[in-house]
Amino acid sequence: MKDIRVLSLDQLKDYFLTLGEKPFRAKQVYDWLWSKNLHSIDEMTNLSKSLRERISEEYTINPVSVDQLQKSTDGTIKNGVKLHDGLLVESVLIPTETRTTACVSSQVGCSLNCEFCATARLKRMRNLEVAEIVDQVALIDSQSKMYFNRPLSNIVFMGMGEPMMNYKNVVEAIRKITQPEGLGMSPRRITVSTSGLPKMIKMLADDELRVKLALSLHSAIESKRNEIMPFSDKFPLTDIMEALQYWYQKTGSVITFEYCVWKGINDGDEDIKALIRYCKQVPSKVNLIQYNPIGDGKYDQCNKQAEDNYVRQLENAGITVMIRKSRGGDIDAACGQLANKATD
């Protein structure tokens, strides 16, 4: 049976009309599904038992479930999330003193081939459905309340997969998360991270979701970026910059460049100068992300001197830069480590 959550509000209205029911029943069900995140048709208590039974003859609800939960010494929680067909993805709750952030996945596996990322080594099995994305957020919201006594404050699409390659479902999930009839979260607290698909960046700008945008950059030297992220040879940095400028023109939202510095790969002065030139072309800021090894020995975190050199030169150039410390590394929950790795 189909998951009833594939139906839009208008489709629900049409469905209830075929049952001889009033259209307002659709709004009641929609509220149960997206605002209350209910996972059982039988628990929709403002519907008659007979109506619930009729719905259950045609539709079901396939919620995600936690297959494995791991807690880091720094408070980070990683969820091994099982989907209705038995496939697994991972999502992460990242707490700080002032916020709790959900890092959610958009694909089972990944379509891209970034050399430094464990997820890229997994075969892309399929895109996540809208409800599967929303379920991850609702799950982490409940964990935030349970473990940290506060609701989820931020969402980042930085888990498994490339969000722009599951564009339709990611956008619809964001609408469900932000609409008053859904989870009611502010879109300004949601960041979509992409490895750089110019056409889709422009499309996201046109859709006016009011979310934030982050670009996984890692080098502003074309040949070097293509070695680090081989798929990027199809998307030149000039094309990406044109899309970013379009994004800023349409949204007024500053772009975040996500940037890992690796020993002997992109830790030289020429790399910093190239990054500064790239940043100067559009209002932006840089997050220097401390790398989390994935066991191949090729990509190693740079030394403190190289990191400090980046910070100093970026700040001298008037560019805002933040160092994002690794969280959850002891449970393989940190950036680039999500790969459905089982524990004993």
C-alpha atoms as a PDB file:
ATOM      1  CA  MET A   1       0.000   0.000   0.000  1.00  0.00           C
ATOM      2  CA  LYS A   2       1.033   3.588  -0.611  1.00  0.00           C
ATOM      3  CA  ASP A   3       2.148   5.841   2.211  1.00  0.00           C
ATOM      4  CA  ILE A   4      -0.686   8.335   2.637  1.00  0.00           C
ATOM      5  CA  ARG A   5       1.913  11.070   3.049  1.00  0.00           C
ATOM      6  CA  VAL A   6       2.549  11.059  -0.712  1.00  0.00           C
ATOM      7  CA  LEU A   7      -0.784  12.881  -1.092  1.00  0.00           C
ATOM      8  CA  SER A   8      -0.889  16.670  -1.115  1.00  0.00           C
ATOM      9  CA  LEU A   9      -3.598  18.524   0.784  1.00  0.00           C
ATOM     10  CA  ASP A  10      -5.589  18.964  -2.431  1.00  0.00           C
ATOM     11  CA  GLN A  11      -5.211  15.269  -3.256  1.00  0.00           C
ATOM     12  CA  LEU A  12      -6.425  14.398   0.231  1.00  0.00           C
ATOM     13  CA  LYS A  13      -9.494  16.578  -0.331  1.00  0.00           C
ATOM     14  CA  ASP A  14     -10.228  14.780  -3.596  1.00  0.00           C
ATOM     15  CA  TYR A  15      -9.738  11.424  -1.895  1.00  0.00           C
ATOM     16  CA  PHE A  16     -12.210  12.199   0.873  1.00  0.00           C
ATOM     17  CA  LEU A  17     -14.759  13.407  -1.657  1.00  0.00           C
ATOM     18  CA  THR A  18     -14.558   9.976  -3.326  1.00  0.00           C
ATOM     19  CA  LEU A  19     -15.380   8.489   0.075  1.00  0.00           C
ATOM     20  CA  GLY A  20     -18.400  10.760   0.421  1.00  0.00           C
ATOM     21  CA  GLU A  21     -16.695  12.740   3.199  1.00  0.00           C
ATOM     22  CA  LYS A  22     -16.460  16.506   3.661  1.00  0.00           C
ATOM     23  CA  PRO A  23     -13.228  18.170   2.413  1.00  0.00           C
ATOM     24  CA  PHE A  24     -12.362  19.374   5.951  1.00  0.00           C
ATOM     25  CA  ARG A  25     -11.390  15.784   6.762  1.00  0.00           C
ATOM     26  CA  ALA A  26      -8.334  16.332   4.566  1.00  0.00           C
ATOM     27  CA  LYS A  27      -7.143  19.182   6.783  1.00  0.00           C
ATOM     28  CA  GLN A  28      -7.597  17.011   9.879  1.00  0.00           C
ATOM     29  CA  VAL A  29      -5.504  14.207   8.398  1.00  0.00           C
ATOM     30  CA  TYR A  30      -2.899  16.621   7.045  1.00  0.00           C
ATOM     31  CA  ASP A  31      -2.499  18.054  10.538  1.00  0.00           C
ATOM     32  CA  TRP A  32      -1.990  14.586  12.026  1.00  0.00           C
ATOM     33  CA  LEU A  33       0.610  13.715   9.402  1.00  0.00           C
ATOM     34  CA  TRP A  34       2.708  16.869   9.176  1.00  0.00           C
ATOM     35  CA  SER A  35       2.131  18.958  12.313  1.00  0.00           C
ATOM     36  CA  LYS A  36       1.799  16.167  14.864  1.00  0.00           C
ATOM     37  CA  ASN A  37       3.965  13.733  12.854  1.00  0.00           C
ATOM     38  CA  LEU A  38       1.605  10.870  13.711  1.00  0.00           C
ATOM     39  CA  HIS A  39       2.598   7.443  12.423  1.00  0.00           C
ATOM     40  CA  SER A  40      -0.650   5.529  12.880  1.00  0.00           C
ATOM     41  CA  ILE A  41      -3.908   6.063  11.013  1.00  0.00           C
ATOM     42  CA  ASP A  42      -5.740   4.314  13.849  1.00  0.00           C
ATOM     43  CA  GLU A  43      -4.664   7.078  16.269  1.00  0.00           C
ATOM     44  CA  MET A  44      -6.374   9.855  14.289  1.00  0.00           C
ATOM     45  CA  THR A  45      -8.953  10.219  17.025  1.00  0.00           C
ATOM     46  CA  ASN A  46     -11.058  12.949  15.438  1.00  0.00           C
ATOM     47  CA  LEU A  47     -11.985  10.534  12.633  1.00  0.00           C
ATOM     48  CA  SER A  48     -14.602   7.849  13.132  1.00  0.00           C
ATOM     49  CA  LYS A  49     -13.396   4.296  13.534  1.00  0.00           C
ATOM     50  CA  SER A  50     -15.139   3.262  10.330  1.00  0.00           C
ATOM     51  CA  LEU A  51     -13.419   6.055   8.368  1.00  0.00           C
ATOM     52  CA  ARG A  52     -10.036   5.115   9.792  1.00  0.00           C
ATOM     53  CA  GLU A  53     -10.638   1.529   8.720  1.00  0.00           C
ATOM     54  CA  ARG A  54     -11.563   2.609   5.189  1.00  0.00           C
ATOM     55  CA  ILE A  55      -8.405   4.710   4.889  1.00  0.00           C
ATOM     56  CA  SER A  56      -6.305   1.824   6.181  1.00  0.00           C
ATOM     57  CA  GLU A  57      -7.647  -0.424   3.428  1.00  0.00           C
ATOM     58  CA  GLU A  58      -5.914   1.772   0.830  1.00  0.00           C
ATOM     59  CA  TYR A  59      -3.093   3.577   2.615  1.00  0.00           C
ATOM     60  CA  THR A  60      -0.486   3.066   5.278  1.00  0.00           C
ATOM     61  CA  ILE A  61       2.213   5.143   6.989  1.00  0.00           C
ATOM     62  CA  ASN A  62       5.830   4.022   6.690  1.00  0.00           C
ATOM     63  CA  PRO A  63       7.781   5.932   9.355  1.00  0.00           C
ATOM     64  CA  VAL A  64      11.526   5.714   9.737  1.00  0.00           C
ATOM     65  CA  SER A  65      12.909   4.021  12.839  1.00  0.00           C
ATOM     66  CA  VAL A  66      16.165   4.164  14.775  1.00  0.00           C
ATOM     67  CA  ASP A  67      18.118   1.029  13.993  1.00  0.00           C
ATOM     68  CA  GLN A  68      21.099   2.086  16.083  1.00  0.00           C
ATOM     69  CA  LEU A  69      21.766   5.087  18.330  1.00  0.00           C
ATOM     70  CA  GLN A  70      25.283   6.141  19.317  1.00  0.00           C
ATOM     71  CA  LYS A  71      26.290   8.868  21.754  1.00  0.00           C
ATOM     72  CA  SER A  72      29.577  10.732  21.536  1.00  0.00           C
ATOM     73  CA  THR A  73      31.562  11.925  24.515  1.00  0.00           C
ATOM     74  CA  ASP A  74      30.859  15.494  23.325  1.00  0.00           C
ATOM     75  CA  GLY A  75      27.077  14.968  23.410  1.00  0.00           C
ATOM     76  CA  THR A  76      26.588  14.367  19.698  1.00  0.00           C
ATOM     77  CA  ILE A  77      24.028  11.672  18.857  1.00  0.00           C
ATOM     78  CA  LYS A  78      24.185   9.636  15.650  1.00  0.00           C
ATOM     79  CA  ASN A  79      21.117   7.766  14.456  1.00  0.00           C
ATOM     80  CA  GLY A  80      21.283   4.808  12.141  1.00  0.00           C
ATOM     81  CA  VAL A  81      17.895   5.347  10.510  1.00  0.00           C
ATOM     82  CA  LYS A  82      16.088   2.377   8.957  1.00  0.00           C
ATOM     83  CA  LEU A  83      13.716   3.080   6.092  1.00  0.00           C
ATOM     84  CA  HIS A  84      10.590   1.095   5.249  1.00  0.00           C
ATOM     85  CA  ASP A  85      12.448  -0.991   2.630  1.00  0.00           C
ATOM     86  CA  GLY A  86      15.251  -1.906   5.044  1.00  0.00           C
ATOM     87  CA  LEU A  87      17.819   0.532   3.667  1.00  0.00           C
ATOM     88  CA  LEU A  88      19.791   2.677   6.108  1.00  0.00           C
ATOM     89  CA  VAL A  89      20.843   6.313   6.290  1.00  0.00           C
ATOM     90  CA  GLU A  90      22.380   8.318   9.103  1.00  0.00           C
ATOM     91  CA  SER A  91      21.338  11.559  10.766  1.00  0.00           C
ATOM     92  CA  VAL A  92      23.057  13.446  13.558  1.00  0.00           C
ATOM     93  CA  LEU A  93      22.000  15.640  16.466  1.00  0.00           C
ATOM     94  CA  ILE A  94      24.711  18.194  17.269  1.00  0.00           C
ATOM     95  CA  PRO A  95      24.244  20.052  20.555  1.00  0.00           C
ATOM     96  CA  THR A  96      25.958  23.218  21.761  1.00  0.00           C
ATOM     97  CA  GLU A  97      25.232  25.442  24.741  1.00  0.00           C
ATOM     98  CA  THR A  98      22.885  27.624  22.710  1.00  0.00           C
ATOM     99  CA  ARG A  99      21.418  25.382  19.998  1.00  0.00           C
ATOM    100  CA  THR A 100      20.739  21.887  18.768  1.00  0.00           C
ATOM    101  CA  THR A 101      21.273  21.162  15.097  1.00  0.00           C
ATOM    102  CA  ALA A 102      19.946  18.295  12.991  1.00  0.00           C
ATOM    103  CA  CYS A 103      22.242  17.080  10.220  1.00  0.00           C
ATOM    104  CA  VAL A 104      19.932  15.167   7.884  1.00  0.00           C
ATOM    105  CA  SER A 105      20.441  12.937   4.863  1.00  0.00           C
ATOM    106  CA  SER A 106      18.803  13.326   1.459  1.00  0.00           C
ATOM    107  CA  GLN A 107      19.924  10.164  -0.355  1.00  0.00           C
ATOM    108  CA  VAL A 108      20.741   6.563   0.481  1.00  0.00           C
ATOM    109  CA  GLY A 109      24.419   6.641  -0.402  1.00  0.00           C
ATOM    110  CA  CYS A 110      25.681   9.386  -2.720  1.00  0.00           C
ATOM    111  CA  SER A 111      25.865  10.092  -6.442  1.00  0.00           C
ATOM    112  CA  LEU A 112      29.163  11.967  -6.196  1.00  0.00           C
ATOM    113  CA  ASN A 113      32.771  10.851  -5.815  1.00  0.00           C
ATOM    114  CA  CYS A 114      34.486  13.252  -3.420  1.00  0.00           C
ATOM    115  CA  GLU A 115      37.807  11.633  -2.498  1.00  0.00           C
ATOM    116  CA  PHE A 116      37.747  12.668   1.164  1.00  0.00           C
ATOM    117  CA  CYS A 117      34.214  11.564   2.016  1.00  0.00           C
ATOM    118  CA  ALA A 118      33.227   8.158   3.378  1.00  0.00           C
ATOM    119  CA  THR A 119      29.657   8.504   2.114  1.00  0.00           C
ATOM    120  CA  ALA A 120      30.945   8.823  -1.460  1.00  0.00           C
ATOM    121  CA  ARG A 121      32.198   5.255  -1.209  1.00  0.00           C
ATOM    122  CA  LEU A 122      28.656   3.988  -0.812  1.00  0.00           C
ATOM    123  CA  LYS A 123      26.589   3.167  -3.869  1.00  0.00           C
ATOM    124  CA  ARG A 124      23.654   5.525  -4.291  1.00  0.00           C
ATOM    125  CA  MET A 125      20.618   3.305  -3.821  1.00  0.00           C
ATOM    126  CA  ARG A 126      17.830   5.863  -4.107  1.00  0.00           C
ATOM    127  CA  ASN A 127      16.607   9.317  -3.161  1.00  0.00           C
ATOM    128  CA  LEU A 128      14.824   9.806   0.128  1.00  0.00           C
ATOM    129  CA  GLU A 129      11.109  10.545  -0.009  1.00  0.00           C
ATOM    130  CA  VAL A 130       9.687  13.758   1.430  1.00  0.00           C
ATOM    131  CA  ALA A 131       8.296  11.994   4.502  1.00  0.00           C
ATOM    132  CA  GLU A 132      11.609  10.226   5.160  1.00  0.00           C
ATOM    133  CA  ILE A 133      13.401  13.574   5.280  1.00  0.00           C
ATOM    134  CA  VAL A 134      10.760  15.155   7.523  1.00  0.00           C
ATOM    135  CA  ASP A 135      10.801  12.092   9.795  1.00  0.00           C
ATOM    136  CA  GLN A 136      14.528  12.588  10.432  1.00  0.00           C
ATOM    137  CA  VAL A 137      13.864  16.157  11.560  1.00  0.00           C
ATOM    138  CA  ALA A 138      10.933  15.189  13.775  1.00  0.00           C
ATOM    139  CA  LEU A 139      12.991  12.365  15.289  1.00  0.00           C
ATOM    140  CA  ILE A 140      15.898  14.655  16.170  1.00  0.00           C
ATOM    141  CA  ASP A 141      13.499  17.285  17.505  1.00  0.00           C
ATOM    142  CA  SER A 142      12.127  14.706  19.945  1.00  0.00           C
ATOM    143  CA  GLN A 143      15.669  13.660  20.913  1.00  0.00           C
ATOM    144  CA  SER A 144      16.631  17.293  21.487  1.00  0.00           C
ATOM    145  CA  LYS A 145      13.701  17.690  23.863  1.00  0.00           C
ATOM    146  CA  MET A 146      14.433  14.379  25.576  1.00  0.00           C
ATOM    147  CA  TYR A 147      18.192  14.759  26.082  1.00  0.00           C
ATOM    148  CA  PHE A 148      18.690  18.546  26.145  1.00  0.00           C
ATOM    149  CA  ASN A 149      15.310  19.910  27.295  1.00  0.00           C
ATOM    150  CA  ARG A 150      14.890  22.188  24.299  1.00  0.00           C
ATOM    151  CA  PRO A 151      13.440  21.891  20.806  1.00  0.00           C
ATOM    152  CA  LEU A 152      15.544  21.571  17.691  1.00  0.00           C
ATOM    153  CA  SER A 153      16.809  24.984  16.606  1.00  0.00           C
ATOM    154  CA  ASN A 154      18.665  24.413  13.305  1.00  0.00           C
ATOM    155  CA  ILE A 155      18.746  22.020  10.358  1.00  0.00           C
ATOM    156  CA  VAL A 156      21.589  21.403   7.927  1.00  0.00           C
ATOM    157  CA  PHE A 157      21.295  19.270   4.806  1.00  0.00           C
ATOM    158  CA  MET A 158      24.844  17.986   5.199  1.00  0.00           C
ATOM    159  CA  GLY A 159      24.197  14.296   5.822  1.00  0.00           C
ATOM    160  CA  MET A 160      24.386  11.487   3.293  1.00  0.00           C
ATOM    161  CA  GLY A 161      23.832  12.435  -0.334  1.00  0.00           C
ATOM    162  CA  GLU A 162      23.793  15.566  -2.481  1.00  0.00           C
ATOM    163  CA  PRO A 163      20.582  17.502  -1.696  1.00  0.00           C
ATOM    164  CA  MET A 164      20.491  19.139  -5.133  1.00  0.00           C
ATOM    165  CA  MET A 165      20.308  15.693  -6.761  1.00  0.00           C
ATOM    166  CA  ASN A 166      17.096  15.025  -4.856  1.00  0.00           C
ATOM    167  CA  TYR A 167      15.879  18.536  -5.455  1.00  0.00           C
ATOM    168  CA  LYS A 168      12.119  18.061  -5.678  1.00  0.00           C
ATOM    169  CA  ASN A 169      11.833  16.026  -2.483  1.00  0.00           C
ATOM    170  CA  VAL A 170      14.251  18.195  -0.504  1.00  0.00           C
ATOM    171  CA  VAL A 171      12.361  21.364  -1.418  1.00  0.00           C
ATOM    172  CA  GLU A 172       8.984  19.819  -0.588  1.00  0.00           C
ATOM    173  CA  ALA A 173      10.385  18.522   2.720  1.00  0.00           C
ATOM    174  CA  ILE A 174      11.599  22.039   3.570  1.00  0.00           C
ATOM    175  CA  ARG A 175       8.115  23.365   2.846  1.00  0.00           C
ATOM    176  CA  LYS A 176       6.608  20.739   5.150  1.00  0.00           C
ATOM    177  CA  ILE A 177       9.152  21.574   7.865  1.00  0.00           C
ATOM    178  CA  THR A 178       8.594  25.321   7.676  1.00  0.00           C
ATOM    179  CA  GLN A 179       4.878  25.738   6.987  1.00  0.00           C
ATOM    180  CA  PRO A 180       2.565  26.535   9.918  1.00  0.00           C
ATOM    181  CA  GLU A 181       0.589  23.376   9.098  1.00  0.00           C
ATOM    182  CA  GLY A 182       3.816  21.382   9.378  1.00  0.00           C
ATOM    183  CA  LEU A 183       6.627  21.598  11.928  1.00  0.00           C
ATOM    184  CA  GLY A 184       6.605  25.413  11.811  1.00  0.00           C
ATOM    185  CA  MET A 185      10.374  25.946  11.835  1.00  0.00           C
ATOM    186  CA  SER A 186      11.947  29.127  10.482  1.00  0.00           C
ATOM    187  CA  PRO A 187      13.519  28.685   7.013  1.00  0.00           C
ATOM    188  CA  ARG A 188      16.338  30.993   8.103  1.00  0.00           C
ATOM    189  CA  ARG A 189      17.442  28.236  10.451  1.00  0.00           C
ATOM    190  CA  ILE A 190      17.843  25.756   7.589  1.00  0.00           C
ATOM    191  CA  THR A 191      21.027  25.456   5.517  1.00  0.00           C
ATOM    192  CA  VAL A 192      21.205  23.507   2.270  1.00  0.00           C
ATOM    193  CA  SER A 193      24.740  22.379   1.492  1.00  0.00           C
ATOM    194  CA  THR A 194      25.739  21.526  -2.059  1.00  0.00           C
ATOM    195  CA  SER A 195      28.906  20.406  -3.781  1.00  0.00           C
ATOM    196  CA  GLY A 196      28.120  22.835  -6.575  1.00  0.00           C
ATOM    197  CA  LEU A 197      25.435  22.273  -9.219  1.00  0.00           C
ATOM    198  CA  PRO A 198      24.953  25.700 -10.842  1.00  0.00           C
ATOM    199  CA  LYS A 199      21.564  25.017 -12.446  1.00  0.00           C
ATOM    200  CA  MET A 200      20.096  23.758  -9.171  1.00  0.00           C
ATOM    201  CA  ILE A 201      21.541  26.661  -7.143  1.00  0.00           C
ATOM    202  CA  LYS A 202      19.685  29.059  -9.445  1.00  0.00           C
ATOM    203  CA  MET A 203      16.529  26.995  -9.151  1.00  0.00           C
ATOM    204  CA  LEU A 204      16.735  27.103  -5.351  1.00  0.00           C
ATOM    205  CA  ALA A 205      17.082  30.877  -5.531  1.00  0.00           C
ATOM    206  CA  ASP A 206      14.012  31.112  -7.771  1.00  0.00           C
ATOM    207  CA  ASP A 207      11.938  28.957  -5.404  1.00  0.00           C
ATOM    208  CA  GLU A 208      12.284  31.622  -2.689  1.00  0.00           C
ATOM    209  CA  LEU A 209      12.421  29.253   0.271  1.00  0.00           C
ATOM    210  CA  ARG A 210      14.445  31.770   2.342  1.00  0.00           C
ATOM    211  CA  VAL A 211      16.894  29.065   3.435  1.00  0.00           C
ATOM    212  CA  LYS A 212      20.648  29.560   3.673  1.00  0.00           C
ATOM    213  CA  LEU A 213      23.133  28.156   1.165  1.00  0.00           C
ATOM    214  CA  ALA A 214      26.513  26.530   1.774  1.00  0.00           C
ATOM    215  CA  LEU A 215      28.961  25.407  -0.899  1.00  0.00           C
ATOM    216  CA  SER A 216      31.412  22.582  -0.287  1.00  0.00           C
ATOM    217  CA  LEU A 217      34.443  24.223  -1.934  1.00  0.00           C
ATOM    218  CA  HIS A 218      37.764  22.916  -0.503  1.00  0.00           C
ATOM    219  CA  SER A 219      39.836  24.541  -3.238  1.00  0.00           C
ATOM    220  CA  ALA A 220      39.411  27.592  -5.443  1.00  0.00           C
ATOM    221  CA  ILE A 221      42.070  26.259  -7.810  1.00  0.00           C
ATOM    222  CA  GLU A 222      40.175  24.459 -10.584  1.00  0.00           C
ATOM    223  CA  SER A 223      42.603  21.611 -11.229  1.00  0.00           C
ATOM    224  CA  LYS A 224      43.079  20.917  -7.533  1.00  0.00           C
ATOM    225  CA  ARG A 225      39.330  20.939  -6.804  1.00  0.00           C
ATOM    226  CA  ASN A 226      38.807  18.467  -9.642  1.00  0.00           C
ATOM    227  CA  GLU A 227      41.288  16.108  -7.995  1.00  0.00           C
ATOM    228  CA  ILE A 228      39.606  16.423  -4.604  1.00  0.00           C
ATOM    229  CA  MET A 229      36.066  16.244  -6.045  1.00  0.00           C
ATOM    230  CA  PRO A 230      36.402  14.523  -9.467  1.00  0.00           C
ATOM    231  CA  PHE A 231      32.763  15.083 -10.534  1.00  0.00           C
ATOM    232  CA  SER A 232      33.383  18.854 -10.374  1.00  0.00           C
ATOM    233  CA  ASP A 233      35.183  18.865 -13.723  1.00  0.00           C
ATOM    234  CA  LYS A 234      31.666  19.090 -15.205  1.00  0.00           C
ATOM    235  CA  PHE A 235      30.924  22.222 -13.174  1.00  0.00           C
ATOM    236  CA  PRO A 236      33.654  24.870 -13.576  1.00  0.00           C
ATOM    237  CA  LEU A 237      34.206  27.295 -10.725  1.00  0.00           C
ATOM    238  CA  THR A 238      33.255  30.183 -13.031  1.00  0.00           C
ATOM    239  CA  ASP A 239      29.826  28.608 -13.631  1.00  0.00           C
ATOM    240  CA  ILE A 240      29.377  27.994  -9.915  1.00  0.00           C
ATOM    241  CA  MET A 241      30.305  31.593  -9.137  1.00  0.00           C
ATOM    242  CA  GLU A 242      27.784  32.872 -11.676  1.00  0.00           C
ATOM    243  CA  ALA A 243      25.109  30.772  -9.922  1.00  0.00           C
ATOM    244  CA  LEU A 244      26.199  32.065  -6.501  1.00  0.00           C
ATOM    245  CA  GLN A 245      26.008  35.654  -7.689  1.00  0.00           C
ATOM    246  CA  TYR A 246      22.527  34.932  -9.012  1.00  0.00           C
ATOM    247  CA  TRP A 247      21.637  33.412  -5.635  1.00  0.00           C
ATOM    248  CA  TYR A 248      22.746  36.534  -3.782  1.00  0.00           C
ATOM    249  CA  GLN A 249      21.009  38.843  -6.249  1.00  0.00           C
ATOM    250  CA  LYS A 250      17.717  36.939  -5.794  1.00  0.00           C
ATOM    251  CA  THR A 251      17.872  36.239  -2.052  1.00  0.00           C
ATOM    252  CA  GLY A 252      20.251  38.724  -0.444  1.00  0.00           C
ATOM    253  CA  SER A 253      21.595  35.772   1.569  1.00  0.00           C
ATOM    254  CA  VAL A 254      25.349  35.488   2.157  1.00  0.00           C
ATOM    255  CA  ILE A 255      26.922  32.240   0.938  1.00  0.00           C
ATOM    256  CA  THR A 256      28.964  30.040   3.268  1.00  0.00           C
ATOM    257  CA  PHE A 257      32.000  28.311   1.789  1.00  0.00           C
ATOM    258  CA  GLU A 258      32.755  25.028   3.547  1.00  0.00           C
ATOM    259  CA  TYR A 259      36.447  24.365   3.384  1.00  0.00           C
ATOM    260  CA  CYS A 260      38.672  21.598   4.759  1.00  0.00           C
ATOM    261  CA  VAL A 261      42.426  22.228   4.804  1.00  0.00           C
ATOM    262  CA  TRP A 262      44.506  19.106   4.245  1.00  0.00           C
ATOM    263  CA  LYS A 263      48.184  18.613   4.880  1.00  0.00           C
ATOM    264  CA  GLY A 264      50.192  18.808   1.663  1.00  0.00           C
ATOM    265  CA  ILE A 265      47.079  19.212  -0.521  1.00  0.00           C
ATOM    266  CA  ASN A 266      45.609  22.698  -0.097  1.00  0.00           C
ATOM    267  CA  ASP A 267      47.552  24.221   2.789  1.00  0.00           C
ATOM    268  CA  GLY A 268      49.823  26.571   0.824  1.00  0.00           C
ATOM    269  CA  ASP A 269      49.769  30.345   0.292  1.00  0.00           C
ATOM    270  CA  GLU A 270      48.624  29.907  -3.324  1.00  0.00           C
ATOM    271  CA  ASP A 271      45.552  28.062  -2.044  1.00  0.00           C
ATOM    272  CA  ILE A 272      44.715  30.877   0.369  1.00  0.00           C
ATOM    273  CA  LYS A 273      45.164  33.563  -2.275  1.00  0.00           C
ATOM    274  CA  ALA A 274      42.887  31.659  -4.680  1.00  0.00           C
ATOM    275  CA  LEU A 275      40.233  31.328  -1.978  1.00  0.00           C
ATOM    276  CA  ILE A 276      40.409  35.061  -1.207  1.00  0.00           C
ATOM    277  CA  ARG A 277      39.970  35.922  -4.890  1.00  0.00           C
ATOM    278  CA  TYR A 278      36.970  33.608  -5.113  1.00  0.00           C
ATOM    279  CA  CYS A 279      35.344  34.975  -1.959  1.00  0.00           C
ATOM    280  CA  LYS A 280      35.732  38.554  -3.168  1.00  0.00           C
ATOM    281  CA  GLN A 281      33.376  37.870  -6.083  1.00  0.00           C
ATOM    282  CA  VAL A 282      30.248  37.451  -3.945  1.00  0.00           C
ATOM    283  CA  PRO A 283      29.198  38.301  -0.361  1.00  0.00           C
ATOM    284  CA  SER A 284      30.364  35.257   1.543  1.00  0.00           C
ATOM    285  CA  LYS A 285      32.003  33.815   4.625  1.00  0.00           C
ATOM    286  CA  VAL A 286      34.244  30.808   5.161  1.00  0.00           C
ATOM    287  CA  ASN A 287      33.827  27.902   7.538  1.00  0.00           C
ATOM    288  CA  LEU A 288      37.133  26.098   8.004  1.00  0.00           C
ATOM    289  CA  ILE A 289      36.035  22.567   8.870  1.00  0.00           C
ATOM    290  CA  GLN A 290      38.377  20.400  10.871  1.00  0.00           C
ATOM    291  CA  TYR A 291      38.758  17.206   8.876  1.00  0.00           C
ATOM    292  CA  ASN A 292      37.779  13.807  10.182  1.00  0.00           C
ATOM    293  CA  PRO A 293      39.939  10.973   8.804  1.00  0.00           C
ATOM    294  CA  ILE A 294      38.217   8.089   7.027  1.00  0.00           C
ATOM    295  CA  GLY A 295      41.145   5.685   7.174  1.00  0.00           C
ATOM    296  CA  ASP A 296      42.804   5.998   3.762  1.00  0.00           C
ATOM    297  CA  GLY A 297      45.803   8.071   4.905  1.00  0.00           C
ATOM    298  CA  LYS A 298      45.655  10.356   1.869  1.00  0.00           C
ATOM    299  CA  TYR A 299      43.746  13.189   3.476  1.00  0.00           C
ATOM    300  CA  ASP A 300      45.122  14.349   6.823  1.00  0.00           C
ATOM    301  CA  GLN A 301      44.116  17.366   8.890  1.00  0.00           C
ATOM    302  CA  CYS A 302      46.551  20.237   8.392  1.00  0.00           C
ATOM    303  CA  ASN A 303      48.708  21.478  11.233  1.00  0.00           C
ATOM    304  CA  LYS A 304      47.742  24.407  13.446  1.00  0.00           C
ATOM    305  CA  GLN A 305      50.176  26.751  11.701  1.00  0.00           C
ATOM    306  CA  ALA A 306      48.510  26.219   8.313  1.00  0.00           C
ATOM    307  CA  GLU A 307      45.052  26.724   9.813  1.00  0.00           C
ATOM    308  CA  ASP A 308      46.176  29.926  11.541  1.00  0.00           C
ATOM    309  CA  ASN A 309      47.672  31.133   8.269  1.00  0.00           C
ATOM    310  CA  TYR A 310      44.306  30.709   6.541  1.00  0.00           C
ATOM    311  CA  VAL A 311      42.517  32.596   9.306  1.00  0.00           C
ATOM    312  CA  ARG A 312      45.029  35.440   9.359  1.00  0.00           C
ATOM    313  CA  GLN A 313      45.065  36.031   5.611  1.00  0.00           C
ATOM    314  CA  LEU A 314      41.289  35.726   5.219  1.00  0.00           C
ATOM    315  CA  GLU A 315      40.673  38.181   8.056  1.00  0.00           C
ATOM    316  CA  ASN A 316      43.283  40.590   6.658  1.00  0.00           C
ATOM    317  CA  ALA A 317      41.350  40.466   3.383  1.00  0.00           C
ATOM    318  CA  GLY A 318      38.153  41.418   5.205  1.00  0.00           C
ATOM    319  CA  ILE A 319      36.550  37.989   4.889  1.00  0.00           C
ATOM    320  CA  THR A 320      34.660  36.509   7.827  1.00  0.00           C
ATOM    321  CA  VAL A 321      36.083  33.122   8.776  1.00  0.00           C
ATOM    322  CA  MET A 322      35.064  30.613  11.437  1.00  0.00           C
ATOM    323  CA  ILE A 323      36.756  27.405  12.547  1.00  0.00           C
ATOM    324  CA  ARG A 324      34.203  24.621  12.854  1.00  0.00           C
ATOM    325  CA  LYS A 325      35.499  22.106  15.345  1.00  0.00           C
ATOM    326  CA  SER A 326      34.857  18.430  14.714  1.00  0.00           C
ATOM    327  CA  ARG A 327      31.921  16.945  16.634  1.00  0.00           C
ATOM    328  CA  GLY A 328      31.128  13.274  17.096  1.00  0.00           C
ATOM    329  CA  GLY A 329      34.360  11.967  15.621  1.00  0.00           C
ATOM    330  CA  ASP A 330      34.551   9.114  18.140  1.00  0.00           C
ATOM    331  CA  ILE A 331      31.315   7.632  16.744  1.00  0.00           C
ATOM    332  CA  ASP A 332      32.009   8.421  13.052  1.00  0.00           C
ATOM    333  CA  ALA A 333      29.324  11.116  13.150  1.00  0.00           C
ATOM    334  CA  ALA A 334      31.473  14.044  12.035  1.00  0.00           C
ATOM    335  CA  CYS A 335      31.625  15.742   8.648  1.00  0.00           C
ATOM    336  CA  GLY A 336      32.534  13.273   5.883  1.00  0.00           C
ATOM    337  CA  GLN A 337      32.285  10.184   8.095  1.00  0.00           C
ATOM    338  CA  LEU A 338      28.673   9.090   7.554  1.00  0.00           C
ATOM    339  CA  ALA A 339      28.870   5.690   5.922  1.00  0.00           C
ATOM    340  CA  ASN A 340      26.507   3.355   7.813  1.00  0.00           C
ATOM    341  CA  LYS A 341      29.450   1.980   9.745  1.00  0.00           C
ATOM    342  CA  ALA A 342      28.266  -0.639  12.195  1.00  0.00           C
ATOM    343  CA  THR A 343      29.560  -0.913  15.741  1.00  0.00           C
ATOM    344  CA  ASP A 344      30.198  -4.025  17.733  1.00  0.00           C
END
